[in-house]
Amino acid sequence: METKRLVVSGIVQGVGYRHFVLGIARRLGVAGYVRNLPDGTVEVVVQLEEEESLNALVGALKKGPPASRVSGVEIHALTGLGEELSGFAVRL
């Protein structure tokens, strides 16, 4: 199982972006969380087994909900998390 950290930039806070991600992640069956970061970006941490799920998630993140304007999605491998995530949640 791989853990990925995705950082989404653009107009992604205050537009329902985290709840949009919650719905997509649950439909894809990936575990993890989404949260706003102080610099105005949104962080998505996911654990997944299939590359197809990552590709589908990244495609959805790039589109976002109607009020958002995504300018970029960075993908980073995350090591040393030390826990297996279950379910998907919005974190504050």
PDB file of N, CA and C in Angstrom:
ATOM      1  N   MET A   1       0.848  -1.174   0.000  1.00  0.00           N
ATOM      2  CA  MET A   1       0.000   0.000   0.000  1.00  0.00           C
ATOM      3  C   MET A   1       0.895   1.239   0.000  1.00  0.00           C
ATOM      4  N   GLU A   2       0.565   2.176  -0.854  1.00  0.00           N
ATOM      5  CA  GLU A   2       1.325   3.415  -0.952  1.00  0.00           C
ATOM      6  C   GLU A   2       0.601   4.545  -0.240  1.00  0.00           C
ATOM      7  N   THR A   3       1.379   5.461   0.316  1.00  0.00           N
ATOM      8  CA  THR A   3       0.815   6.672   0.905  1.00  0.00           C
ATOM      9  C   THR A   3       1.307   7.847   0.084  1.00  0.00           C
ATOM     10  N   LYS A   4       0.376   8.684  -0.345  1.00  0.00           N
ATOM     11  CA  LYS A   4       0.693   9.864  -1.152  1.00  0.00           C
ATOM     12  C   LYS A   4       0.181  11.115  -0.459  1.00  0.00           C
ATOM     13  N   ARG A   5       0.949  12.179  -0.616  1.00  0.00           N
ATOM     14  CA  ARG A   5       0.543  13.510  -0.134  1.00  0.00           C
ATOM     15  C   ARG A   5       0.373  14.383  -1.366  1.00  0.00           C
ATOM     16  N   LEU A   6      -0.832  14.903  -1.534  1.00  0.00           N
ATOM     17  CA  LEU A   6      -1.127  15.767  -2.663  1.00  0.00           C
ATOM     18  C   LEU A   6      -1.415  17.163  -2.133  1.00  0.00           C
ATOM     19  N   VAL A   7      -0.822  18.149  -2.747  1.00  0.00           N
ATOM     20  CA  VAL A   7      -1.035  19.538  -2.340  1.00  0.00           C
ATOM     21  C   VAL A   7      -1.669  20.267  -3.519  1.00  0.00           C
ATOM     22  N   VAL A   8      -2.862  20.798  -3.276  1.00  0.00           N
ATOM     23  CA  VAL A   8      -3.644  21.441  -4.330  1.00  0.00           C
ATOM     24  C   VAL A   8      -3.594  22.954  -4.117  1.00  0.00           C
ATOM     25  N   SER A   9      -3.218  23.677  -5.168  1.00  0.00           N
ATOM     26  CA  SER A   9      -3.133  25.135  -5.073  1.00  0.00           C
ATOM     27  C   SER A   9      -4.152  25.792  -5.988  1.00  0.00           C
ATOM     28  N   GLY A  10      -4.376  27.067  -5.738  1.00  0.00           N
ATOM     29  CA  GLY A  10      -5.344  27.850  -6.491  1.00  0.00           C
ATOM     30  C   GLY A  10      -6.397  28.394  -5.547  1.00  0.00           C
ATOM     31  N   ILE A  11      -7.593  28.605  -6.056  1.00  0.00           N
ATOM     32  CA  ILE A  11      -8.717  29.025  -5.217  1.00  0.00           C
ATOM     33  C   ILE A  11      -9.405  27.745  -4.763  1.00  0.00           C
ATOM     34  N   VAL A  12      -8.950  27.239  -3.614  1.00  0.00           N
ATOM     35  CA  VAL A  12      -9.406  25.935  -3.145  1.00  0.00           C
ATOM     36  C   VAL A  12      -9.873  25.956  -1.684  1.00  0.00           C
ATOM     37  N   GLN A  13      -9.880  27.109  -1.067  1.00  0.00           N
ATOM     38  CA  GLN A  13     -10.412  27.216   0.292  1.00  0.00           C
ATOM     39  C   GLN A  13     -11.635  28.123   0.268  1.00  0.00           C
ATOM     40  N   GLY A  14     -12.635  27.744   1.058  1.00  0.00           N
ATOM     41  CA  GLY A  14     -13.869  28.529   1.126  1.00  0.00           C
ATOM     42  C   GLY A  14     -14.804  28.283  -0.043  1.00  0.00           C
ATOM     43  N   VAL A  15     -14.575  27.207  -0.794  1.00  0.00           N
ATOM     44  CA  VAL A  15     -15.397  26.914  -1.968  1.00  0.00           C
ATOM     45  C   VAL A  15     -15.968  25.499  -1.950  1.00  0.00           C
ATOM     46  N   GLY A  16     -15.893  24.814  -0.795  1.00  0.00           N
ATOM     47  CA  GLY A  16     -16.415  23.456  -0.676  1.00  0.00           C
ATOM     48  C   GLY A  16     -15.464  22.397  -1.200  1.00  0.00           C
ATOM     49  N   TYR A  17     -14.197  22.746  -1.330  1.00  0.00           N
ATOM     50  CA  TYR A  17     -13.229  21.817  -1.915  1.00  0.00           C
ATOM     51  C   TYR A  17     -13.008  20.582  -1.050  1.00  0.00           C
ATOM     52  N   ARG A  18     -12.885  20.743   0.265  1.00  0.00           N
ATOM     53  CA  ARG A  18     -12.637  19.584   1.129  1.00  0.00           C
ATOM     54  C   ARG A  18     -13.785  18.587   1.074  1.00  0.00           C
ATOM     55  N   HIS A  19     -15.005  19.072   1.052  1.00  0.00           N
ATOM     56  CA  HIS A  19     -16.154  18.159   0.999  1.00  0.00           C
ATOM     57  C   HIS A  19     -16.271  17.506  -0.380  1.00  0.00           C
ATOM     58  N   PHE A  20     -15.856  18.221  -1.409  1.00  0.00           N
ATOM     59  CA  PHE A  20     -15.774  17.631  -2.746  1.00  0.00           C
ATOM     60  C   PHE A  20     -14.790  16.457  -2.736  1.00  0.00           C
ATOM     61  N   VAL A  21     -13.617  16.678  -2.142  1.00  0.00           N
ATOM     62  CA  VAL A  21     -12.598  15.622  -2.059  1.00  0.00           C
ATOM     63  C   VAL A  21     -13.108  14.434  -1.239  1.00  0.00           C
ATOM     64  N   LEU A  22     -13.797  14.716  -0.152  1.00  0.00           N
ATOM     65  CA  LEU A  22     -14.371  13.667   0.683  1.00  0.00           C
ATOM     66  C   LEU A  22     -15.262  12.745  -0.147  1.00  0.00           C
ATOM     67  N   GLY A  23     -16.142  13.315  -0.943  1.00  0.00           N
ATOM     68  CA  GLY A  23     -17.043  12.515  -1.779  1.00  0.00           C
ATOM     69  C   GLY A  23     -16.306  11.683  -2.810  1.00  0.00           C
ATOM     70  N   ILE A  24     -15.324  12.289  -3.468  1.00  0.00           N
ATOM     71  CA  ILE A  24     -14.544  11.566  -4.481  1.00  0.00           C
ATOM     72  C   ILE A  24     -13.776  10.414  -3.837  1.00  0.00           C
ATOM     73  N   ALA A  25     -13.096  10.693  -2.725  1.00  0.00           N
ATOM     74  CA  ALA A  25     -12.284   9.662  -2.062  1.00  0.00           C
ATOM     75  C   ALA A  25     -13.138   8.501  -1.591  1.00  0.00           C
ATOM     76  N   ARG A  26     -14.298   8.793  -1.058  1.00  0.00           N
ATOM     77  CA  ARG A  26     -15.180   7.714  -0.600  1.00  0.00           C
ATOM     78  C   ARG A  26     -15.673   6.883  -1.773  1.00  0.00           C
ATOM     79  N   ARG A  27     -15.982   7.531  -2.903  1.00  0.00           N
ATOM     80  CA  ARG A  27     -16.418   6.777  -4.083  1.00  0.00           C
ATOM     81  C   ARG A  27     -15.300   5.880  -4.612  1.00  0.00           C
ATOM     82  N   LEU A  28     -14.065   6.360  -4.514  1.00  0.00           N
ATOM     83  CA  LEU A  28     -12.929   5.569  -4.985  1.00  0.00           C
ATOM     84  C   LEU A  28     -12.474   4.524  -3.972  1.00  0.00           C
ATOM     85  N   GLY A  29     -12.951   4.645  -2.738  1.00  0.00           N
ATOM     86  CA  GLY A  29     -12.595   3.681  -1.706  1.00  0.00           C
ATOM     87  C   GLY A  29     -11.178   3.830  -1.178  1.00  0.00           C
ATOM     88  N   VAL A  30     -10.646   5.067  -1.197  1.00  0.00           N
ATOM     89  CA  VAL A  30      -9.303   5.289  -0.662  1.00  0.00           C
ATOM     90  C   VAL A  30      -9.395   5.790   0.771  1.00  0.00           C
ATOM     91  N   ALA A  31      -8.391   5.470   1.559  1.00  0.00           N
ATOM     92  CA  ALA A  31      -8.332   5.913   2.951  1.00  0.00           C
ATOM     93  C   ALA A  31      -7.451   7.146   3.047  1.00  0.00           C
ATOM     94  N   GLY A  32      -7.756   8.010   4.010  1.00  0.00           N
ATOM     95  CA  GLY A  32      -6.915   9.186   4.210  1.00  0.00           C
ATOM     96  C   GLY A  32      -7.685  10.350   4.786  1.00  0.00           C
ATOM     97  N   TYR A  33      -7.185  11.552   4.452  1.00  0.00           N
ATOM     98  CA  TYR A  33      -7.836  12.761   4.949  1.00  0.00           C
ATOM     99  C   TYR A  33      -7.514  13.952   4.056  1.00  0.00           C
ATOM    100  N   VAL A  34      -8.291  14.999   4.216  1.00  0.00           N
ATOM    101  CA  VAL A  34      -8.090  16.260   3.512  1.00  0.00           C
ATOM    102  C   VAL A  34      -8.163  17.376   4.539  1.00  0.00           C
ATOM    103  N   ARG A  35      -7.323  18.410   4.347  1.00  0.00           N
ATOM    104  CA  ARG A  35      -7.373  19.556   5.261  1.00  0.00           C
ATOM    105  C   ARG A  35      -6.822  20.794   4.567  1.00  0.00           C
ATOM    106  N   ASN A  36      -7.283  21.953   5.046  1.00  0.00           N
ATOM    107  CA  ASN A  36      -6.756  23.231   4.589  1.00  0.00           C
ATOM    108  C   ASN A  36      -5.415  23.478   5.255  1.00  0.00           C
ATOM    109  N   LEU A  37      -4.485  24.079   4.520  1.00  0.00           N
ATOM    110  CA  LEU A  37      -3.206  24.475   5.083  1.00  0.00           C
ATOM    111  C   LEU A  37      -3.160  25.996   5.210  1.00  0.00           C
ATOM    112  N   PRO A  38      -2.353  26.507   6.133  1.00  0.00           N
ATOM    113  CA  PRO A  38      -2.309  27.954   6.383  1.00  0.00           C
ATOM    114  C   PRO A  38      -1.916  28.805   5.168  1.00  0.00           C
ATOM    115  N   ASP A  39      -1.212  28.223   4.213  1.00  0.00           N
ATOM    116  CA  ASP A  39      -0.768  28.997   3.042  1.00  0.00           C
ATOM    117  C   ASP A  39      -1.825  29.099   1.948  1.00  0.00           C
ATOM    118  N   GLY A  40      -3.049  28.595   2.197  1.00  0.00           N
ATOM    119  CA  GLY A  40      -4.134  28.687   1.224  1.00  0.00           C
ATOM    120  C   GLY A  40      -4.272  27.470   0.329  1.00  0.00           C
ATOM    121  N   THR A  41      -3.406  26.484   0.505  1.00  0.00           N
ATOM    122  CA  THR A  41      -3.511  25.250  -0.273  1.00  0.00           C
ATOM    123  C   THR A  41      -4.345  24.227   0.497  1.00  0.00           C
ATOM    124  N   VAL A  42      -4.638  23.122  -0.156  1.00  0.00           N
ATOM    125  CA  VAL A  42      -5.350  22.014   0.467  1.00  0.00           C
ATOM    126  C   VAL A  42      -4.452  20.781   0.374  1.00  0.00           C
ATOM    127  N   GLU A  43      -4.316  20.081   1.500  1.00  0.00           N
ATOM    128  CA  GLU A  43      -3.514  18.865   1.559  1.00  0.00           C
ATOM    129  C   GLU A  43      -4.437  17.655   1.562  1.00  0.00           C
ATOM    130  N   VAL A  44      -4.106  16.679   0.712  1.00  0.00           N
ATOM    131  CA  VAL A  44      -4.840  15.424   0.649  1.00  0.00           C
ATOM    132  C   VAL A  44      -3.830  14.310   0.882  1.00  0.00           C
ATOM    133  N   VAL A  45      -4.035  13.515   1.926  1.00  0.00           N
ATOM    134  CA  VAL A  45      -3.174  12.374   2.204  1.00  0.00           C
ATOM    135  C   VAL A  45      -4.006  11.121   1.996  1.00  0.00           C
ATOM    136  N   VAL A  46      -3.510  10.227   1.137  1.00  0.00           N
ATOM    137  CA  VAL A  46      -4.260   9.012   0.820  1.00  0.00           C
ATOM    138  C   VAL A  46      -3.361   7.793   0.860  1.00  0.00           C
ATOM    139  N   GLN A  47      -3.974   6.680   1.233  1.00  0.00           N
ATOM    140  CA  GLN A  47      -3.333   5.379   1.134  1.00  0.00           C
ATOM    141  C   GLN A  47      -4.143   4.576   0.127  1.00  0.00           C
ATOM    142  N   LEU A  48      -3.430   4.047  -0.863  1.00  0.00           N
ATOM    143  CA  LEU A  48      -4.132   3.313  -1.909  1.00  0.00           C
ATOM    144  C   LEU A  48      -3.252   2.223  -2.469  1.00  0.00           C
ATOM    145  N   GLU A  49      -3.886   1.288  -3.124  1.00  0.00           N
ATOM    146  CA  GLU A  49      -3.171   0.138  -3.662  1.00  0.00           C
ATOM    147  C   GLU A  49      -3.035   0.200  -5.173  1.00  0.00           C
ATOM    148  N   GLU A  50      -3.935   0.882  -5.848  1.00  0.00           N
ATOM    149  CA  GLU A  50      -3.970   0.849  -7.306  1.00  0.00           C
ATOM    150  C   GLU A  50      -3.633   2.208  -7.904  1.00  0.00           C
ATOM    151  N   GLU A  51      -2.812   2.183  -8.926  1.00  0.00           N
ATOM    152  CA  GLU A  51      -2.432   3.406  -9.646  1.00  0.00           C
ATOM    153  C   GLU A  51      -3.655   4.051 -10.291  1.00  0.00           C
ATOM    154  N   GLU A  52      -4.631   3.232 -10.703  1.00  0.00           N
ATOM    155  CA  GLU A  52      -5.840   3.772 -11.327  1.00  0.00           C
ATOM    156  C   GLU A  52      -6.601   4.678 -10.366  1.00  0.00           C
ATOM    157  N   SER A  53      -6.631   4.291  -9.093  1.00  0.00           N
ATOM    158  CA  SER A  53      -7.316   5.119  -8.094  1.00  0.00           C
ATOM    159  C   SER A  53      -6.614   6.458  -7.940  1.00  0.00           C
ATOM    160  N   LEU A  54      -5.287   6.452  -7.937  1.00  0.00           N
ATOM    161  CA  LEU A  54      -4.535   7.705  -7.840  1.00  0.00           C
ATOM    162  C   LEU A  54      -4.804   8.580  -9.059  1.00  0.00           C
ATOM    163  N   ASN A  55      -4.784   7.988 -10.236  1.00  0.00           N
ATOM    164  CA  ASN A  55      -5.041   8.758 -11.454  1.00  0.00           C
ATOM    165  C   ASN A  55      -6.438   9.372 -11.453  1.00  0.00           C
ATOM    166  N   ALA A  56      -7.433   8.601 -11.024  1.00  0.00           N
ATOM    167  CA  ALA A  56      -8.805   9.107 -10.959  1.00  0.00           C
ATOM    168  C   ALA A  56      -8.912  10.237  -9.939  1.00  0.00           C
ATOM    169  N   LEU A  57      -8.258  10.075  -8.799  1.00  0.00           N
ATOM    170  CA  LEU A  57      -8.289  11.105  -7.756  1.00  0.00           C
ATOM    171  C   LEU A  57      -7.630  12.382  -8.256  1.00  0.00           C
ATOM    172  N   VAL A  58      -6.453  12.272  -8.841  1.00  0.00           N
ATOM    173  CA  VAL A  58      -5.744  13.454  -9.335  1.00  0.00           C
ATOM    174  C   VAL A  58      -6.567  14.163 -10.417  1.00  0.00           C
ATOM    175  N   GLY A  59      -7.186  13.408 -11.290  1.00  0.00           N
ATOM    176  CA  GLY A  59      -8.047  14.019 -12.309  1.00  0.00           C
ATOM    177  C   GLY A  59      -9.179  14.820 -11.698  1.00  0.00           C
ATOM    178  N   ALA A  60      -9.802  14.267 -10.669  1.00  0.00           N
ATOM    179  CA  ALA A  60     -10.896  14.971  -9.986  1.00  0.00           C
ATOM    180  C   ALA A  60     -10.376  16.198  -9.238  1.00  0.00           C
ATOM    181  N   LEU A  61      -9.212  16.068  -8.590  1.00  0.00           N
ATOM    182  CA  LEU A  61      -8.641  17.203  -7.855  1.00  0.00           C
ATOM    183  C   LEU A  61      -8.342  18.366  -8.784  1.00  0.00           C
ATOM    184  N   LYS A  62      -7.896  18.076  -9.980  1.00  0.00           N
ATOM    185  CA  LYS A  62      -7.577  19.136 -10.941  1.00  0.00           C
ATOM    186  C   LYS A  62      -8.820  19.892 -11.385  1.00  0.00           C
ATOM    187  N   LYS A  63      -9.958  19.211 -11.417  1.00  0.00           N
ATOM    188  CA  LYS A  63     -11.219  19.863 -11.798  1.00  0.00           C
ATOM    189  C   LYS A  63     -11.824  20.609 -10.618  1.00  0.00           C
ATOM    190  N   GLY A  64     -11.954  19.924  -9.479  1.00  0.00           N
ATOM    191  CA  GLY A  64     -12.529  20.536  -8.283  1.00  0.00           C
ATOM    192  C   GLY A  64     -13.999  20.842  -8.431  1.00  0.00           C
ATOM    193  N   PRO A  65     -14.606  21.390  -7.370  1.00  0.00           N
ATOM    194  CA  PRO A  65     -16.007  21.789  -7.434  1.00  0.00           C
ATOM    195  C   PRO A  65     -16.145  23.059  -8.281  1.00  0.00           C
ATOM    196  N   PRO A  66     -17.369  23.405  -8.687  1.00  0.00           N
ATOM    197  CA  PRO A  66     -17.570  24.537  -9.601  1.00  0.00           C
ATOM    198  C   PRO A  66     -16.958  25.873  -9.154  1.00  0.00           C
ATOM    199  N   ALA A  67     -16.970  26.189  -7.871  1.00  0.00           N
ATOM    200  CA  ALA A  67     -16.477  27.498  -7.407  1.00  0.00           C
ATOM    201  C   ALA A  67     -14.954  27.549  -7.283  1.00  0.00           C
ATOM    202  N   SER A  68     -14.282  26.423  -7.415  1.00  0.00           N
ATOM    203  CA  SER A  68     -12.824  26.403  -7.255  1.00  0.00           C
ATOM    204  C   SER A  68     -12.125  26.739  -8.575  1.00  0.00           C
ATOM    205  N   ARG A  69     -10.867  27.128  -8.449  1.00  0.00           N
ATOM    206  CA  ARG A  69      -9.998  27.346  -9.604  1.00  0.00           C
ATOM    207  C   ARG A  69      -8.650  26.728  -9.256  1.00  0.00           C
ATOM    208  N   VAL A  70      -8.430  25.500  -9.685  1.00  0.00           N
ATOM    209  CA  VAL A  70      -7.211  24.771  -9.344  1.00  0.00           C
ATOM    210  C   VAL A  70      -6.096  25.197 -10.290  1.00  0.00           C
ATOM    211  N   SER A  71      -4.958  25.590  -9.705  1.00  0.00           N
ATOM    212  CA  SER A  71      -3.816  25.967 -10.538  1.00  0.00           C
ATOM    213  C   SER A  71      -2.731  24.892 -10.554  1.00  0.00           C
ATOM    214  N   GLY A  72      -2.788  23.947  -9.606  1.00  0.00           N
ATOM    215  CA  GLY A  72      -1.795  22.888  -9.605  1.00  0.00           C
ATOM    216  C   GLY A  72      -2.064  21.815  -8.574  1.00  0.00           C
ATOM    217  N   VAL A  73      -1.554  20.620  -8.849  1.00  0.00           N
ATOM    218  CA  VAL A  73      -1.628  19.495  -7.917  1.00  0.00           C
ATOM    219  C   VAL A  73      -0.235  18.873  -7.856  1.00  0.00           C
ATOM    220  N   GLU A  74       0.406  18.976  -6.710  1.00  0.00           N
ATOM    221  CA  GLU A  74       1.715  18.353  -6.502  1.00  0.00           C
ATOM    222  C   GLU A  74       1.501  16.991  -5.844  1.00  0.00           C
ATOM    223  N   ILE A  75       2.266  15.995  -6.288  1.00  0.00           N
ATOM    224  CA  ILE A  75       2.152  14.647  -5.735  1.00  0.00           C
ATOM    225  C   ILE A  75       3.489  14.254  -5.133  1.00  0.00           C
ATOM    226  N   HIS A  76       3.454  13.837  -3.874  1.00  0.00           N
ATOM    227  CA  HIS A  76       4.657  13.441  -3.160  1.00  0.00           C
ATOM    228  C   HIS A  76       4.438  12.068  -2.530  1.00  0.00           C
ATOM    229  N   ALA A  77       5.449  11.205  -2.597  1.00  0.00           N
ATOM    230  CA  ALA A  77       5.402   9.947  -1.847  1.00  0.00           C
ATOM    231  C   ALA A  77       5.599  10.303  -0.382  1.00  0.00           C
ATOM    232  N   LEU A  78       4.824   9.702   0.485  1.00  0.00           N
ATOM    233  CA  LEU A  78       4.907   9.996   1.916  1.00  0.00           C
ATOM    234  C   LEU A  78       5.379   8.739   2.630  1.00  0.00           C
ATOM    235  N   THR A  79       6.515   8.840   3.271  1.00  0.00           N
ATOM    236  CA  THR A  79       7.060   7.702   4.007  1.00  0.00           C
ATOM    237  C   THR A  79       7.116   8.051   5.487  1.00  0.00           C
ATOM    238  N   GLY A  80       7.100   7.050   6.299  1.00  0.00           N
ATOM    239  CA  GLY A  80       7.215   7.270   7.737  1.00  0.00           C
ATOM    240  C   GLY A  80       5.945   7.744   8.407  1.00  0.00           C
ATOM    241  N   LEU A  81       4.794   7.535   7.777  1.00  0.00           N
ATOM    242  CA  LEU A  81       3.529   7.944   8.391  1.00  0.00           C
ATOM    243  C   LEU A  81       3.298   7.180   9.683  1.00  0.00           C
ATOM    244  N   GLY A  82       3.676   5.920   9.705  1.00  0.00           N
ATOM    245  CA  GLY A  82       3.597   5.131  10.929  1.00  0.00           C
ATOM    246  C   GLY A  82       2.224   4.647  11.315  1.00  0.00           C
ATOM    247  N   GLU A  83       1.248   4.847  10.460  1.00  0.00           N
ATOM    248  CA  GLU A  83      -0.095   4.370  10.776  1.00  0.00           C
ATOM    249  C   GLU A  83      -0.809   3.993   9.475  1.00  0.00           C
ATOM    250  N   GLU A  84      -1.697   3.040   9.612  1.00  0.00           N
ATOM    251  CA  GLU A  84      -2.545   2.717   8.478  1.00  0.00           C
ATOM    252  C   GLU A  84      -3.833   3.486   8.657  1.00  0.00           C
ATOM    253  N   LEU A  85      -4.232   4.210   7.650  1.00  0.00           N
ATOM    254  CA  LEU A  85      -5.436   5.020   7.718  1.00  0.00           C
ATOM    255  C   LEU A  85      -6.653   4.166   7.354  1.00  0.00           C
ATOM    256  N   SER A  86      -7.774   4.484   7.949  1.00  0.00           N
ATOM    257  CA  SER A  86      -9.016   3.796   7.592  1.00  0.00           C
ATOM    258  C   SER A  86     -10.085   4.845   7.376  1.00  0.00           C
ATOM    259  N   GLY A  87     -10.895   4.636   6.353  1.00  0.00           N
ATOM    260  CA  GLY A  87     -11.913   5.602   6.019  1.00  0.00           C
ATOM    261  C   GLY A  87     -11.293   6.860   5.452  1.00  0.00           C
ATOM    262  N   PHE A  88     -12.113   7.864   5.213  1.00  0.00           N
ATOM    263  CA  PHE A  88     -11.628   9.149   4.718  1.00  0.00           C
ATOM    264  C   PHE A  88     -12.349  10.239   5.491  1.00  0.00           C
ATOM    265  N   ALA A  89     -11.610  11.281   5.880  1.00  0.00           N
ATOM    266  CA  ALA A  89     -12.192  12.321   6.739  1.00  0.00           C
ATOM    267  C   ALA A  89     -11.691  13.702   6.351  1.00  0.00           C
ATOM    268  N   VAL A  90     -12.461  14.703   6.749  1.00  0.00           N
ATOM    269  CA  VAL A  90     -12.038  16.097   6.669  1.00  0.00           C
ATOM    270  C   VAL A  90     -11.416  16.431   8.004  1.00  0.00           C
ATOM    271  N   ARG A  91     -10.187  16.909   7.986  1.00  0.00           N
ATOM    272  CA  ARG A  91      -9.509  17.330   9.218  1.00  0.00           C
ATOM    273  C   ARG A  91      -9.430  18.832   9.260  1.00  0.00           C
ATOM    274  N   LEU A  92      -9.475  19.357  10.462  1.00  0.00           N
ATOM    275  CA  LEU A  92      -9.356  20.812  10.636  1.00  0.00           C
ATOM    276  C   LEU A  92      -7.951  21.206  10.973  1.00  0.00           C
TER     277      LEU A  92
END
